Amino acid sequence: MDAMATRLVFRGLLAALAGGALLAHPADGSAQEPAGAPAASSVSRPLAADRPDFTEAASTVGRGVLQIEFGYTFAGDWSGGHSVQTHTLGELLLRGGVAADWLELRVAASPVTRVDSEGSGASDTGIEDLYLGAKVELTRQAGRLPALALLPQMTLPTGSTLFSGGRVLPGVNLAYSWDVPGGLSLAGSTQVNLAVADGDDSYREWAQSAVAGAGVGTRGGVYGEWYAFLPMGADAPKEHYLNAGLTWLTADDSQWDIRFGVGLNDAAEDFFAGVGATVRMR
């Protein structure tokens, strides 16, 4: 099956899964925490992970809670007869609630192996830059007004040369979500981060996402999502993706997930898939 046929097949699967999200019933295991629920303490609030979708949840973990999220993703790009496969192992995100229920601190890092199957088949392995950030829960949903969270963030040049930006790259992310009648949750995020072009020049890169999710039974959840990277002021291509997945609560404080997606334009990776888990300590 060629790359174009592969994209068409997976786009059909993603559309079917996204449609399933619109027909499912609400549950605590959905991809987004119900934002319209009454304010809950860190002891009683349902588990809300920031993975596996691209959009961050518009909620924090709660004061005194440590949440560990991790996983593995395979991505493949077969554009123009040039085959590149990327394995991201770890995807570690640590989220700690401090001082108040509305504030969390965040640390993330991941080792990466990139395999080029063309020619010699040599591989490059390295560590990504360290991510540091915070999440501030601004508001909960009030009628048509969404739940809002603000995430100041940055990466530090701690990674391997091939996978590092080579400098501090700051950014900010605004996450928002709604519960709507029928048990459907809607969410999105708008962020802008400093990035580095091939010529070592800095530029601003916007990222936008939109996701719909709902529960399956009492512990499962499905979602369908679109997101894009939109560089400004640099000769870098725009990338658009379609992504869908499933989450399942194995207990009140643990969850596993699976996702897959496709690129929607030539600049994007053709296909990716991953698995992961979340564990909460409170």
C-alpha atoms as a PDB file:
ATOM      1  CA  MET A   1       0.000   0.000   0.000  1.00  0.00           C
ATOM      2  CA  ASP A   2       1.513   3.388  -0.979  1.00  0.00           C
ATOM      3  CA  ALA A   3       1.693   6.428   1.299  1.00  0.00           C
ATOM      4  CA  MET A   4      -1.388   8.105  -0.211  1.00  0.00           C
ATOM      5  CA  ALA A   5      -3.545   4.991   0.205  1.00  0.00           C
ATOM      6  CA  THR A   6      -2.279   4.576   3.777  1.00  0.00           C
ATOM      7  CA  ARG A   7      -3.308   8.158   4.584  1.00  0.00           C
ATOM      8  CA  LEU A   8      -6.787   7.654   3.130  1.00  0.00           C
ATOM      9  CA  VAL A   9      -7.363   4.460   5.137  1.00  0.00           C
ATOM     10  CA  PHE A  10      -6.265   5.985   8.434  1.00  0.00           C
ATOM     11  CA  ARG A  11      -8.239   9.177   7.805  1.00  0.00           C
ATOM     12  CA  GLY A  12     -11.344   7.002   7.417  1.00  0.00           C
ATOM     13  CA  LEU A  13     -10.584   5.200  10.682  1.00  0.00           C
ATOM     14  CA  LEU A  14     -10.005   8.490  12.482  1.00  0.00           C
ATOM     15  CA  ALA A  15     -13.264   9.941  11.169  1.00  0.00           C
ATOM     16  CA  ALA A  16     -15.138   6.846  12.399  1.00  0.00           C
ATOM     17  CA  LEU A  17     -13.593   7.087  15.871  1.00  0.00           C
ATOM     18  CA  ALA A  18     -14.303  10.830  16.082  1.00  0.00           C
ATOM     19  CA  GLY A  19     -17.917  10.110  15.107  1.00  0.00           C
ATOM     20  CA  GLY A  20     -18.066   7.536  17.883  1.00  0.00           C
ATOM     21  CA  ALA A  21     -17.087  10.244  20.354  1.00  0.00           C
ATOM     22  CA  LEU A  22     -20.174  12.211  19.344  1.00  0.00           C
ATOM     23  CA  LEU A  23     -22.435   9.229  20.070  1.00  0.00           C
ATOM     24  CA  ALA A  24     -20.854   8.025  23.313  1.00  0.00           C
ATOM     25  CA  HIS A  25     -22.103   8.582  26.866  1.00  0.00           C
ATOM     26  CA  PRO A  26     -20.249  10.708  29.443  1.00  0.00           C
ATOM     27  CA  ALA A  27     -17.897   9.096  31.943  1.00  0.00           C
ATOM     28  CA  ASP A  28     -15.068  10.094  34.261  1.00  0.00           C
ATOM     29  CA  GLY A  29     -12.628   8.286  31.958  1.00  0.00           C
ATOM     30  CA  SER A  30     -13.142  10.694  29.055  1.00  0.00           C
ATOM     31  CA  ALA A  31     -10.171  12.513  27.557  1.00  0.00           C
ATOM     32  CA  GLN A  32     -11.176  15.822  29.172  1.00  0.00           C
ATOM     33  CA  GLU A  33     -12.200  16.414  32.772  1.00  0.00           C
ATOM     34  CA  PRO A  34     -15.827  17.677  33.102  1.00  0.00           C
ATOM     35  CA  ALA A  35     -15.185  21.388  33.513  1.00  0.00           C
ATOM     36  CA  GLY A  36     -18.723  22.292  34.591  1.00  0.00           C
ATOM     37  CA  ALA A  37     -18.717  20.085  37.666  1.00  0.00           C
ATOM     38  CA  PRO A  38     -18.691  21.707  41.107  1.00  0.00           C
ATOM     39  CA  ALA A  39     -15.258  22.574  42.435  1.00  0.00           C
ATOM     40  CA  ALA A  40     -13.665  19.456  43.882  1.00  0.00           C
ATOM     41  CA  SER A  41     -10.744  18.966  46.221  1.00  0.00           C
ATOM     42  CA  SER A  42      -7.642  17.122  45.040  1.00  0.00           C
ATOM     43  CA  VAL A  43      -8.893  14.095  46.964  1.00  0.00           C
ATOM     44  CA  SER A  44     -12.238  13.772  45.150  1.00  0.00           C
ATOM     45  CA  ARG A  45     -11.653  15.183  41.633  1.00  0.00           C
ATOM     46  CA  PRO A  46     -11.551  12.637  38.773  1.00  0.00           C
ATOM     47  CA  LEU A  47      -8.304  11.774  37.045  1.00  0.00           C
ATOM     48  CA  ALA A  48      -7.615  14.168  34.127  1.00  0.00           C
ATOM     49  CA  ALA A  49      -4.487  13.444  32.081  1.00  0.00           C
ATOM     50  CA  ASP A  50      -2.806  15.758  29.576  1.00  0.00           C
ATOM     51  CA  ARG A  51      -2.130  12.782  27.307  1.00  0.00           C
ATOM     52  CA  PRO A  52      -2.710  11.233  24.819  1.00  0.00           C
ATOM     53  CA  ASP A  53      -4.229  14.131  22.856  1.00  0.00           C
ATOM     54  CA  PHE A  54      -2.251  17.230  21.860  1.00  0.00           C
ATOM     55  CA  THR A  55      -4.626  19.580  23.738  1.00  0.00           C
ATOM     56  CA  GLU A  56      -3.833  20.162  27.419  1.00  0.00           C
ATOM     57  CA  ALA A  57      -6.682  19.754  29.905  1.00  0.00           C
ATOM     58  CA  ALA A  58      -7.975  23.055  31.320  1.00  0.00           C
ATOM     59  CA  SER A  59      -7.565  21.707  34.869  1.00  0.00           C
ATOM     60  CA  THR A  60      -4.750  21.095  37.332  1.00  0.00           C
ATOM     61  CA  VAL A  61      -3.974  17.970  39.358  1.00  0.00           C
ATOM     62  CA  GLY A  62      -4.786  19.608  42.707  1.00  0.00           C
ATOM     63  CA  ARG A  63      -2.661  20.635  45.684  1.00  0.00           C
ATOM     64  CA  GLY A  64      -0.416  17.930  47.095  1.00  0.00           C
ATOM     65  CA  VAL A  65      -0.882  15.601  44.111  1.00  0.00           C
ATOM     66  CA  LEU A  66       1.903  14.160  41.949  1.00  0.00           C
ATOM     67  CA  GLN A  67       0.820  12.854  38.543  1.00  0.00           C
ATOM     68  CA  ILE A  68       3.169  10.865  36.288  1.00  0.00           C
ATOM     69  CA  GLU A  69       2.373  10.512  32.581  1.00  0.00           C
ATOM     70  CA  PHE A  70       4.512   8.506  30.144  1.00  0.00           C
ATOM     71  CA  GLY A  71       4.356   6.610  26.861  1.00  0.00           C
ATOM     72  CA  TYR A  72       5.835   5.591  23.517  1.00  0.00           C
ATOM     73  CA  THR A  73       5.134   6.915  20.006  1.00  0.00           C
ATOM     74  CA  PHE A  74       6.151   5.638  16.586  1.00  0.00           C
ATOM     75  CA  ALA A  75       6.018   8.047  13.641  1.00  0.00           C
ATOM     76  CA  GLY A  76       6.722   7.392   9.984  1.00  0.00           C
ATOM     77  CA  ASP A  77       7.224   9.673   6.995  1.00  0.00           C
ATOM     78  CA  TRP A  78       7.564   8.205   3.517  1.00  0.00           C
ATOM     79  CA  SER A  79       7.338  11.427   1.484  1.00  0.00           C
ATOM     80  CA  GLY A  80       9.142  11.531  -1.845  1.00  0.00           C
ATOM     81  CA  GLY A  81      10.512   8.019  -1.465  1.00  0.00           C
ATOM     82  CA  HIS A  82      12.567   9.058   1.571  1.00  0.00           C
ATOM     83  CA  SER A  83      11.677   6.885   4.571  1.00  0.00           C
ATOM     84  CA  VAL A  84      12.189   8.270   8.091  1.00  0.00           C
ATOM     85  CA  GLN A  85      10.952   6.494  11.205  1.00  0.00           C
ATOM     86  CA  THR A  86      11.023   8.100  14.651  1.00  0.00           C
ATOM     87  CA  HIS A  87      10.665   6.288  17.975  1.00  0.00           C
ATOM     88  CA  THR A  88       9.928   8.457  21.023  1.00  0.00           C
ATOM     89  CA  LEU A  89      10.316   6.425  24.209  1.00  0.00           C
ATOM     90  CA  GLY A  90       9.509   7.853  27.622  1.00  0.00           C
ATOM     91  CA  GLU A  91       7.433  10.969  26.928  1.00  0.00           C
ATOM     92  CA  LEU A  92       7.734  11.583  30.657  1.00  0.00           C
ATOM     93  CA  LEU A  93       5.620  14.393  32.128  1.00  0.00           C
ATOM     94  CA  LEU A  94       5.647  15.082  35.873  1.00  0.00           C
ATOM     95  CA  ARG A  95       2.814  17.287  37.190  1.00  0.00           C
ATOM     96  CA  GLY A  96       2.877  18.429  40.807  1.00  0.00           C
ATOM     97  CA  GLY A  97       0.169  20.451  42.556  1.00  0.00           C
ATOM     98  CA  VAL A  98       1.678  23.118  44.810  1.00  0.00           C
ATOM     99  CA  ALA A  99       0.381  25.843  47.143  1.00  0.00           C
ATOM    100  CA  ALA A 100      -3.240  25.701  45.901  1.00  0.00           C
ATOM    101  CA  ASP A 101      -5.558  23.508  43.850  1.00  0.00           C
ATOM    102  CA  TRP A 102      -5.322  25.920  40.903  1.00  0.00           C
ATOM    103  CA  LEU A 103      -1.522  25.730  40.454  1.00  0.00           C
ATOM    104  CA  GLU A 104       0.751  22.952  39.229  1.00  0.00           C
ATOM    105  CA  LEU A 105       4.419  22.767  38.210  1.00  0.00           C
ATOM    106  CA  ARG A 106       5.454  20.638  35.229  1.00  0.00           C
ATOM    107  CA  VAL A 107       8.656  18.924  34.036  1.00  0.00           C
ATOM    108  CA  ALA A 108       8.996  16.832  30.873  1.00  0.00           C
ATOM    109  CA  ALA A 109      11.760  15.084  28.930  1.00  0.00           C
ATOM    110  CA  SER A 110      12.138  12.150  26.593  1.00  0.00           C
ATOM    111  CA  PRO A 111      14.889  10.106  24.926  1.00  0.00           C
ATOM    112  CA  VAL A 112      14.367   9.810  21.174  1.00  0.00           C
ATOM    113  CA  THR A 113      15.621   7.374  18.528  1.00  0.00           C
ATOM    114  CA  ARG A 114      15.336   8.458  14.912  1.00  0.00           C
ATOM    115  CA  VAL A 115      15.861   5.778  12.255  1.00  0.00           C
ATOM    116  CA  ASP A 116      16.450   6.605   8.583  1.00  0.00           C
ATOM    117  CA  SER A 117      15.737   3.403   6.666  1.00  0.00           C
ATOM    118  CA  GLU A 118      17.036   4.748   3.356  1.00  0.00           C
ATOM    119  CA  GLY A 119      20.605   3.919   2.370  1.00  0.00           C
ATOM    120  CA  SER A 120      22.690   2.632   5.265  1.00  0.00           C
ATOM    121  CA  GLY A 121      19.805   2.468   7.727  1.00  0.00           C
ATOM    122  CA  ALA A 122      21.905   4.280  10.353  1.00  0.00           C
ATOM    123  CA  SER A 123      20.090   5.609  13.417  1.00  0.00           C
ATOM    124  CA  ASP A 124      20.572   8.654  15.617  1.00  0.00           C
ATOM    125  CA  THR A 125      19.675   8.446  19.303  1.00  0.00           C
ATOM    126  CA  GLY A 126      19.449  11.312  21.748  1.00  0.00           C
ATOM    127  CA  ILE A 127      17.627  13.207  24.479  1.00  0.00           C
ATOM    128  CA  GLU A 128      15.158  16.026  23.854  1.00  0.00           C
ATOM    129  CA  ASP A 129      15.473  19.378  25.608  1.00  0.00           C
ATOM    130  CA  LEU A 130      14.094  19.593  29.133  1.00  0.00           C
ATOM    131  CA  TYR A 131      10.634  21.174  29.354  1.00  0.00           C
ATOM    132  CA  LEU A 132       9.686  23.322  32.365  1.00  0.00           C
ATOM    133  CA  GLY A 133       6.305  24.912  32.882  1.00  0.00           C
ATOM    134  CA  ALA A 134       3.387  25.696  35.123  1.00  0.00           C
ATOM    135  CA  LYS A 135      -0.367  25.427  34.739  1.00  0.00           C
ATOM    136  CA  VAL A 136      -2.632  28.042  36.292  1.00  0.00           C
ATOM    137  CA  GLU A 137      -6.331  27.155  36.395  1.00  0.00           C
ATOM    138  CA  LEU A 138      -7.992  30.514  35.721  1.00  0.00           C
ATOM    139  CA  THR A 139     -11.726  29.769  35.667  1.00  0.00           C
ATOM    140  CA  ARG A 140     -14.172  26.884  35.649  1.00  0.00           C
ATOM    141  CA  GLN A 141     -16.945  26.730  33.067  1.00  0.00           C
ATOM    142  CA  ALA A 142     -19.830  29.153  33.644  1.00  0.00           C
ATOM    143  CA  GLY A 143     -22.595  28.668  31.095  1.00  0.00           C
ATOM    144  CA  ARG A 144     -21.158  29.350  27.658  1.00  0.00           C
ATOM    145  CA  LEU A 145     -17.921  30.692  29.133  1.00  0.00           C
ATOM    146  CA  PRO A 146     -15.237  27.975  29.015  1.00  0.00           C
ATOM    147  CA  ALA A 147     -12.956  26.638  31.676  1.00  0.00           C
ATOM    148  CA  LEU A 148      -9.573  28.314  31.150  1.00  0.00           C
ATOM    149  CA  ALA A 149      -5.986  27.474  32.067  1.00  0.00           C
ATOM    150  CA  LEU A 150      -2.783  29.352  31.253  1.00  0.00           C
ATOM    151  CA  LEU A 151       0.541  27.543  30.825  1.00  0.00           C
ATOM    152  CA  PRO A 152       3.764  29.592  30.794  1.00  0.00           C
ATOM    153  CA  GLN A 153       6.454  27.223  29.545  1.00  0.00           C
ATOM    154  CA  MET A 154       9.951  26.870  28.107  1.00  0.00           C
ATOM    155  CA  THR A 155      12.547  24.345  26.979  1.00  0.00           C
ATOM    156  CA  LEU A 156      16.164  24.397  28.172  1.00  0.00           C
ATOM    157  CA  PRO A 157      19.121  23.437  25.905  1.00  0.00           C
ATOM    158  CA  THR A 158      19.909  20.212  27.764  1.00  0.00           C
ATOM    159  CA  GLY A 159      19.273  17.739  24.932  1.00  0.00           C
ATOM    160  CA  SER A 160      21.551  15.995  22.466  1.00  0.00           C
ATOM    161  CA  THR A 161      22.814  18.179  19.623  1.00  0.00           C
ATOM    162  CA  LEU A 162      20.538  16.642  17.001  1.00  0.00           C
ATOM    163  CA  PHE A 163      17.399  17.061  19.146  1.00  0.00           C
ATOM    164  CA  SER A 164      18.158  20.366  20.912  1.00  0.00           C
ATOM    165  CA  GLY A 165      17.126  23.916  20.072  1.00  0.00           C
ATOM    166  CA  GLY A 166      20.489  25.082  21.390  1.00  0.00           C
ATOM    167  CA  ARG A 167      18.996  27.864  23.499  1.00  0.00           C
ATOM    168  CA  VAL A 168      16.181  28.663  25.928  1.00  0.00           C
ATOM    169  CA  LEU A 169      12.879  28.658  23.996  1.00  0.00           C
ATOM    170  CA  PRO A 170      10.009  30.245  25.965  1.00  0.00           C
ATOM    171  CA  GLY A 171       6.315  30.097  25.166  1.00  0.00           C
ATOM    172  CA  VAL A 172       2.782  30.288  26.517  1.00  0.00           C
ATOM    173  CA  ASN A 173      -0.286  28.100  26.052  1.00  0.00           C
ATOM    174  CA  LEU A 174      -3.969  28.907  26.665  1.00  0.00           C
ATOM    175  CA  ALA A 175      -6.218  25.846  27.145  1.00  0.00           C
ATOM    176  CA  TYR A 176     -10.027  26.010  27.181  1.00  0.00           C
ATOM    177  CA  SER A 177     -12.859  23.477  27.441  1.00  0.00           C
ATOM    178  CA  TRP A 178     -16.643  23.173  27.556  1.00  0.00           C
ATOM    179  CA  ASP A 179     -19.152  20.537  28.610  1.00  0.00           C
ATOM    180  CA  VAL A 180     -22.154  20.670  26.262  1.00  0.00           C
ATOM    181  CA  PRO A 181     -25.568  18.949  26.393  1.00  0.00           C
ATOM    182  CA  GLY A 182     -25.574  15.289  25.435  1.00  0.00           C
ATOM    183  CA  GLY A 183     -22.426  14.355  27.319  1.00  0.00           C
ATOM    184  CA  LEU A 184     -19.959  15.722  24.770  1.00  0.00           C
ATOM    185  CA  SER A 185     -16.885  17.678  25.841  1.00  0.00           C
ATOM    186  CA  LEU A 186     -15.178  20.198  23.572  1.00  0.00           C
ATOM    187  CA  ALA A 187     -11.745  21.680  24.113  1.00  0.00           C
ATOM    188  CA  GLY A 188      -8.925  23.483  22.385  1.00  0.00           C
ATOM    189  CA  SER A 189      -5.638  25.267  22.905  1.00  0.00           C
ATOM    190  CA  THR A 190      -3.812  28.215  21.394  1.00  0.00           C
ATOM    191  CA  GLN A 191      -0.105  28.552  22.011  1.00  0.00           C
ATOM    192  CA  VAL A 192       2.938  30.378  20.719  1.00  0.00           C
ATOM    193  CA  ASN A 193       6.506  29.255  21.326  1.00  0.00           C
ATOM    194  CA  LEU A 194       9.925  30.403  20.210  1.00  0.00           C
ATOM    195  CA  ALA A 195      11.512  27.925  17.788  1.00  0.00           C
ATOM    196  CA  VAL A 196      14.788  27.626  15.868  1.00  0.00           C
ATOM    197  CA  ALA A 197      15.044  27.348  12.078  1.00  0.00           C
ATOM    198  CA  ASP A 198      17.634  25.290  10.178  1.00  0.00           C
ATOM    199  CA  GLY A 199      19.754  28.411   9.780  1.00  0.00           C
ATOM    200  CA  ASP A 200      19.844  28.852  13.576  1.00  0.00           C
ATOM    201  CA  ASP A 201      17.511  31.873  13.442  1.00  0.00           C
ATOM    202  CA  SER A 202      14.694  32.143  15.988  1.00  0.00           C
ATOM    203  CA  TYR A 203      11.063  32.511  14.978  1.00  0.00           C
ATOM    204  CA  ARG A 204       7.596  32.300  16.535  1.00  0.00           C
ATOM    205  CA  GLU A 205       5.610  29.122  16.028  1.00  0.00           C
ATOM    206  CA  TRP A 206       1.884  29.128  16.751  1.00  0.00           C
ATOM    207  CA  ALA A 207       0.034  25.904  17.488  1.00  0.00           C
ATOM    208  CA  GLN A 208      -3.750  25.490  17.409  1.00  0.00           C
ATOM    209  CA  SER A 209      -5.906  22.508  18.334  1.00  0.00           C
ATOM    210  CA  ALA A 210      -9.549  21.468  18.669  1.00  0.00           C
ATOM    211  CA  VAL A 211     -10.809  18.210  20.193  1.00  0.00           C
ATOM    212  CA  ALA A 212     -14.155  16.503  20.876  1.00  0.00           C
ATOM    213  CA  GLY A 213     -14.363  13.718  23.444  1.00  0.00           C
ATOM    214  CA  ALA A 214     -16.853  11.609  25.361  1.00  0.00           C
ATOM    215  CA  GLY A 215     -16.995   8.597  27.631  1.00  0.00           C
ATOM    216  CA  VAL A 216     -17.464   4.930  26.770  1.00  0.00           C
ATOM    217  CA  GLY A 217     -19.164   3.031  29.576  1.00  0.00           C
ATOM    218  CA  THR A 218     -18.074   4.021  33.070  1.00  0.00           C
ATOM    219  CA  ARG A 219     -14.288   3.975  32.615  1.00  0.00           C
ATOM    220  CA  GLY A 220     -13.478   4.554  28.951  1.00  0.00           C
ATOM    221  CA  GLY A 221     -13.214   7.612  26.772  1.00  0.00           C
ATOM    222  CA  VAL A 222     -12.700   8.391  23.079  1.00  0.00           C
ATOM    223  CA  TYR A 223     -11.673  11.568  21.306  1.00  0.00           C
ATOM    224  CA  GLY A 224     -11.080  12.998  17.849  1.00  0.00           C
ATOM    225  CA  GLU A 225      -8.725  15.957  17.368  1.00  0.00           C
ATOM    226  CA  TRP A 226      -7.220  18.323  14.810  1.00  0.00           C
ATOM    227  CA  TYR A 227      -4.056  20.298  15.515  1.00  0.00           C
ATOM    228  CA  ALA A 228      -1.540  22.325  13.530  1.00  0.00           C
ATOM    229  CA  PHE A 229       1.880  23.981  13.809  1.00  0.00           C
ATOM    230  CA  LEU A 230       1.944  27.400  12.163  1.00  0.00           C
ATOM    231  CA  PRO A 231       5.404  29.045  11.942  1.00  0.00           C
ATOM    232  CA  MET A 232       5.619  32.828  11.582  1.00  0.00           C
ATOM    233  CA  GLY A 233       8.543  34.791  10.204  1.00  0.00           C
ATOM    234  CA  ALA A 234      10.546  31.790   8.987  1.00  0.00           C
ATOM    235  CA  ASP A 235      10.812  29.608   5.918  1.00  0.00           C
ATOM    236  CA  ALA A 236       9.327  26.641   7.789  1.00  0.00           C
ATOM    237  CA  PRO A 237       6.318  24.645   6.544  1.00  0.00           C
ATOM    238  CA  LYS A 238       2.920  24.470   8.230  1.00  0.00           C
ATOM    239  CA  GLU A 239       1.917  21.045   9.542  1.00  0.00           C
ATOM    240  CA  HIS A 240      -1.659  19.804  10.050  1.00  0.00           C
ATOM    241  CA  TYR A 241      -2.663  16.569  11.796  1.00  0.00           C
ATOM    242  CA  LEU A 242      -5.741  14.489  12.593  1.00  0.00           C
ATOM    243  CA  ASN A 243      -5.523  12.427  15.775  1.00  0.00           C
ATOM    244  CA  ALA A 244      -7.848  10.077  17.672  1.00  0.00           C
ATOM    245  CA  GLY A 245      -7.569   7.745  20.621  1.00  0.00           C
ATOM    246  CA  LEU A 246      -8.972   5.799  23.537  1.00  0.00           C
ATOM    247  CA  THR A 247      -8.400   6.096  27.293  1.00  0.00           C
ATOM    248  CA  TRP A 248      -9.336   3.571  29.975  1.00  0.00           C
ATOM    249  CA  LEU A 249      -9.340   3.994  33.757  1.00  0.00           C
ATOM    250  CA  THR A 250      -7.811   0.876  35.312  1.00  0.00           C
ATOM    251  CA  ALA A 251      -8.433   2.373  38.783  1.00  0.00           C
ATOM    252  CA  ASP A 252      -9.390   5.765  40.213  1.00  0.00           C
ATOM    253  CA  ASP A 253      -5.733   6.834  40.072  1.00  0.00           C
ATOM    254  CA  SER A 254      -4.416   5.087  36.958  1.00  0.00           C
ATOM    255  CA  GLN A 255      -5.227   5.137  33.268  1.00  0.00           C
ATOM    256  CA  TRP A 256      -3.816   3.729  30.027  1.00  0.00           C
ATOM    257  CA  ASP A 257      -4.232   5.177  26.556  1.00  0.00           C
ATOM    258  CA  ILE A 258      -3.758   4.447  22.875  1.00  0.00           C
ATOM    259  CA  ARG A 259      -3.762   6.885  19.952  1.00  0.00           C
ATOM    260  CA  PHE A 260      -3.052   7.102  16.259  1.00  0.00           C
ATOM    261  CA  GLY A 261      -3.047   9.870  13.687  1.00  0.00           C
ATOM    262  CA  VAL A 262      -2.149  11.012  10.200  1.00  0.00           C
ATOM    263  CA  GLY A 263      -0.676  14.105   8.621  1.00  0.00           C
ATOM    264  CA  LEU A 264      -3.043  16.181   6.515  1.00  0.00           C
ATOM    265  CA  ASN A 265      -0.458  17.845   4.276  1.00  0.00           C
ATOM    266  CA  ASP A 266       2.867  16.952   2.667  1.00  0.00           C
ATOM    267  CA  ALA A 267       4.977  18.729   5.290  1.00  0.00           C
ATOM    268  CA  ALA A 268       3.453  16.692   8.141  1.00  0.00           C
ATOM    269  CA  GLU A 269       4.544  13.192   9.118  1.00  0.00           C
ATOM    270  CA  ASP A 270       2.454  10.582   7.314  1.00  0.00           C
ATOM    271  CA  PHE A 271       1.420   8.458  10.303  1.00  0.00           C
ATOM    272  CA  PHE A 272       1.943   8.066  14.050  1.00  0.00           C
ATOM    273  CA  ALA A 273       0.686   5.753  16.776  1.00  0.00           C
ATOM    274  CA  GLY A 274       1.386   5.425  20.473  1.00  0.00           C
ATOM    275  CA  VAL A 275       0.502   3.970  23.835  1.00  0.00           C
ATOM    276  CA  GLY A 276       0.909   5.331  27.336  1.00  0.00           C
ATOM    277  CA  ALA A 277      -0.255   5.471  30.913  1.00  0.00           C
ATOM    278  CA  THR A 278      -0.965   7.904  33.755  1.00  0.00           C
ATOM    279  CA  VAL A 279      -0.490   7.296  37.478  1.00  0.00           C
ATOM    280  CA  ARG A 280      -1.677   9.706  40.188  1.00  0.00           C
ATOM    281  CA  MET A 281      -0.249   9.829  43.728  1.00  0.00           C
ATOM    282  CA  ARG A 282      -2.242  11.728  46.348  1.00  0.00           C
END
